[in-house]
């Protein structure tokens, strides 16, 4: 799993049947203090995330498919949580 920030959306009118009705969001992986890495992934949203939200992204294929409840879906990354706050190294990063 990775922490990431939603930095964009992908609009695809032609897509695999497993993605119909799902939002595809561009997520920039970040450190616990919110510093963006510039390493971006496209993830299927399962929690109603939007631009600017910090999220938890599962980026392993099998875990991503389990999150989508579809064993044969061609998914590499899935957003499985919206982050309220991160506590790390004795500090709290508030993201609300």
C-alpha atoms as a PDB file:
ATOM      1  CA  UNK A   1       0.000   0.000   0.000  1.00  0.00           C
ATOM      2  CA  UNK A   2       1.053   3.581  -0.616  1.00  0.00           C
ATOM      3  CA  UNK A   3      -0.022   6.998   0.533  1.00  0.00           C
ATOM      4  CA  UNK A   4      -0.837   9.223  -2.417  1.00  0.00           C
ATOM      5  CA  UNK A   5      -2.614  12.419  -3.397  1.00  0.00           C
ATOM      6  CA  UNK A   6      -5.231  12.511  -6.140  1.00  0.00           C
ATOM      7  CA  UNK A   7      -3.843  14.903  -8.757  1.00  0.00           C
ATOM      8  CA  UNK A   8      -6.084  14.228 -11.736  1.00  0.00           C
ATOM      9  CA  UNK A   9      -8.686  12.161 -13.479  1.00  0.00           C
ATOM     10  CA  UNK A  10      -8.688   9.942 -16.535  1.00  0.00           C
ATOM     11  CA  UNK A  11     -11.673   9.983 -18.861  1.00  0.00           C
ATOM     12  CA  UNK A  12     -11.992   6.866 -20.993  1.00  0.00           C
ATOM     13  CA  UNK A  13     -15.171   6.393 -22.974  1.00  0.00           C
ATOM     14  CA  UNK A  14     -13.934   3.032 -24.294  1.00  0.00           C
ATOM     15  CA  UNK A  15     -12.753   0.762 -21.505  1.00  0.00           C
ATOM     16  CA  UNK A  16     -12.715  -2.783 -20.203  1.00  0.00           C
ATOM     17  CA  UNK A  17     -16.087  -3.983 -18.890  1.00  0.00           C
ATOM     18  CA  UNK A  18     -14.635  -4.243 -15.362  1.00  0.00           C
ATOM     19  CA  UNK A  19     -14.134  -0.453 -15.313  1.00  0.00           C
ATOM     20  CA  UNK A  20     -17.618   0.553 -16.457  1.00  0.00           C
ATOM     21  CA  UNK A  21     -19.096   2.880 -13.821  1.00  0.00           C
ATOM     22  CA  UNK A  22     -15.738   3.357 -12.068  1.00  0.00           C
ATOM     23  CA  UNK A  23     -13.686   6.535 -11.761  1.00  0.00           C
ATOM     24  CA  UNK A  24     -10.051   6.366 -12.815  1.00  0.00           C
ATOM     25  CA  UNK A  25      -7.884   8.794 -10.849  1.00  0.00           C
ATOM     26  CA  UNK A  26      -4.237   9.829 -11.194  1.00  0.00           C
ATOM     27  CA  UNK A  27      -2.497   9.456  -7.826  1.00  0.00           C
ATOM     28  CA  UNK A  28       0.955  10.846  -6.966  1.00  0.00           C
ATOM     29  CA  UNK A  29       2.648   8.696  -4.321  1.00  0.00           C
ATOM     30  CA  UNK A  30       3.729  10.769  -1.302  1.00  0.00           C
ATOM     31  CA  UNK A  31       5.704  10.491   1.919  1.00  0.00           C
ATOM     32  CA  UNK A  32       3.940  10.536   5.322  1.00  0.00           C
ATOM     33  CA  UNK A  33       4.488  14.325   5.511  1.00  0.00           C
ATOM     34  CA  UNK A  34       2.639  14.773   2.206  1.00  0.00           C
ATOM     35  CA  UNK A  35       5.647  15.452  -0.017  1.00  0.00           C
ATOM     36  CA  UNK A  36       4.758  14.281  -3.510  1.00  0.00           C
ATOM     37  CA  UNK A  37       7.225  11.937  -5.231  1.00  0.00           C
ATOM     38  CA  UNK A  38       6.331  12.608  -8.858  1.00  0.00           C
ATOM     39  CA  UNK A  39       5.695   8.880  -9.244  1.00  0.00           C
ATOM     40  CA  UNK A  40       2.134   8.626 -10.488  1.00  0.00           C
ATOM     41  CA  UNK A  41      -0.254   5.723 -10.959  1.00  0.00           C
ATOM     42  CA  UNK A  42      -3.748   5.476 -12.403  1.00  0.00           C
ATOM     43  CA  UNK A  43      -6.010   3.834  -9.838  1.00  0.00           C
ATOM     44  CA  UNK A  44      -9.617   2.689  -9.794  1.00  0.00           C
ATOM     45  CA  UNK A  45     -11.554   4.593  -7.125  1.00  0.00           C
ATOM     46  CA  UNK A  46     -13.683   2.466  -4.761  1.00  0.00           C
ATOM     47  CA  UNK A  47     -14.313   5.032  -2.025  1.00  0.00           C
ATOM     48  CA  UNK A  48     -15.473   8.269  -3.679  1.00  0.00           C
ATOM     49  CA  UNK A  49     -12.139  10.124  -3.614  1.00  0.00           C
ATOM     50  CA  UNK A  50     -11.577  13.353  -5.511  1.00  0.00           C
ATOM     51  CA  UNK A  51      -8.904  15.832  -6.550  1.00  0.00           C
ATOM     52  CA  UNK A  52      -6.714  16.924  -3.639  1.00  0.00           C
ATOM     53  CA  UNK A  53      -7.648  14.020  -1.379  1.00  0.00           C
ATOM     54  CA  UNK A  54      -4.892  12.011   0.261  1.00  0.00           C
ATOM     55  CA  UNK A  55      -5.669   8.348  -0.283  1.00  0.00           C
ATOM     56  CA  UNK A  56      -4.436   4.819   0.395  1.00  0.00           C
ATOM     57  CA  UNK A  57      -3.622   2.999  -2.827  1.00  0.00           C
ATOM     58  CA  UNK A  58      -3.198  -0.751  -3.135  1.00  0.00           C
ATOM     59  CA  UNK A  59      -0.835  -1.228  -6.038  1.00  0.00           C
ATOM     60  CA  UNK A  60      -0.390  -4.973  -6.215  1.00  0.00           C
ATOM     61  CA  UNK A  61      -2.489  -6.713  -8.839  1.00  0.00           C
ATOM     62  CA  UNK A  62      -4.071  -9.409  -6.688  1.00  0.00           C
ATOM     63  CA  UNK A  63      -4.852  -7.031  -3.812  1.00  0.00           C
ATOM     64  CA  UNK A  64      -6.264  -4.527  -6.277  1.00  0.00           C
ATOM     65  CA  UNK A  65      -8.534  -7.134  -7.799  1.00  0.00           C
ATOM     66  CA  UNK A  66      -9.719  -8.248  -4.355  1.00  0.00           C
ATOM     67  CA  UNK A  67     -10.560  -4.629  -3.503  1.00  0.00           C
ATOM     68  CA  UNK A  68     -12.675  -4.503  -6.662  1.00  0.00           C
ATOM     69  CA  UNK A  69     -14.200  -7.910  -5.816  1.00  0.00           C
ATOM     70  CA  UNK A  70     -13.307  -9.125  -9.277  1.00  0.00           C
ATOM     71  CA  UNK A  71     -10.755 -11.927  -9.555  1.00  0.00           C
ATOM     72  CA  UNK A  72     -10.215 -11.498 -13.290  1.00  0.00           C
ATOM     73  CA  UNK A  73     -10.203  -7.703 -13.615  1.00  0.00           C
ATOM     74  CA  UNK A  74      -7.085  -6.186 -15.271  1.00  0.00           C
ATOM     75  CA  UNK A  75      -6.313  -3.829 -12.370  1.00  0.00           C
ATOM     76  CA  UNK A  76      -2.899  -2.695 -11.109  1.00  0.00           C
ATOM     77  CA  UNK A  77      -3.948  -0.084  -8.537  1.00  0.00           C
ATOM     78  CA  UNK A  78      -7.067   0.598  -6.482  1.00  0.00           C
ATOM     79  CA  UNK A  79      -7.904   3.423  -4.076  1.00  0.00           C
ATOM     80  CA  UNK A  80      -9.130   1.748  -0.891  1.00  0.00           C
ATOM     81  CA  UNK A  81      -9.246   4.637   1.610  1.00  0.00           C
ATOM     82  CA  UNK A  82      -9.377   8.405   2.033  1.00  0.00           C
ATOM     83  CA  UNK A  83      -6.836   9.565   4.623  1.00  0.00           C
ATOM     84  CA  UNK A  84      -8.021  11.783   7.472  1.00  0.00           C
ATOM     85  CA  UNK A  85      -4.659  12.126   9.185  1.00  0.00           C
ATOM     86  CA  UNK A  86      -1.214  10.517   9.348  1.00  0.00           C
ATOM     87  CA  UNK A  87       0.755  10.125  12.592  1.00  0.00           C
ATOM     88  CA  UNK A  88       4.429   9.408  11.908  1.00  0.00           C
ATOM     89  CA  UNK A  89       7.758  10.037  13.675  1.00  0.00           C
ATOM     90  CA  UNK A  90       5.996  11.719  16.597  1.00  0.00           C
ATOM     91  CA  UNK A  91       4.254  14.251  14.352  1.00  0.00           C
ATOM     92  CA  UNK A  92       0.756  14.456  12.998  1.00  0.00           C
ATOM     93  CA  UNK A  93       0.120  15.425   9.415  1.00  0.00           C
ATOM     94  CA  UNK A  94      -3.429  16.736   9.205  1.00  0.00           C
ATOM     95  CA  UNK A  95      -4.832  16.538   5.746  1.00  0.00           C
ATOM     96  CA  UNK A  96      -8.423  17.617   6.287  1.00  0.00           C
END
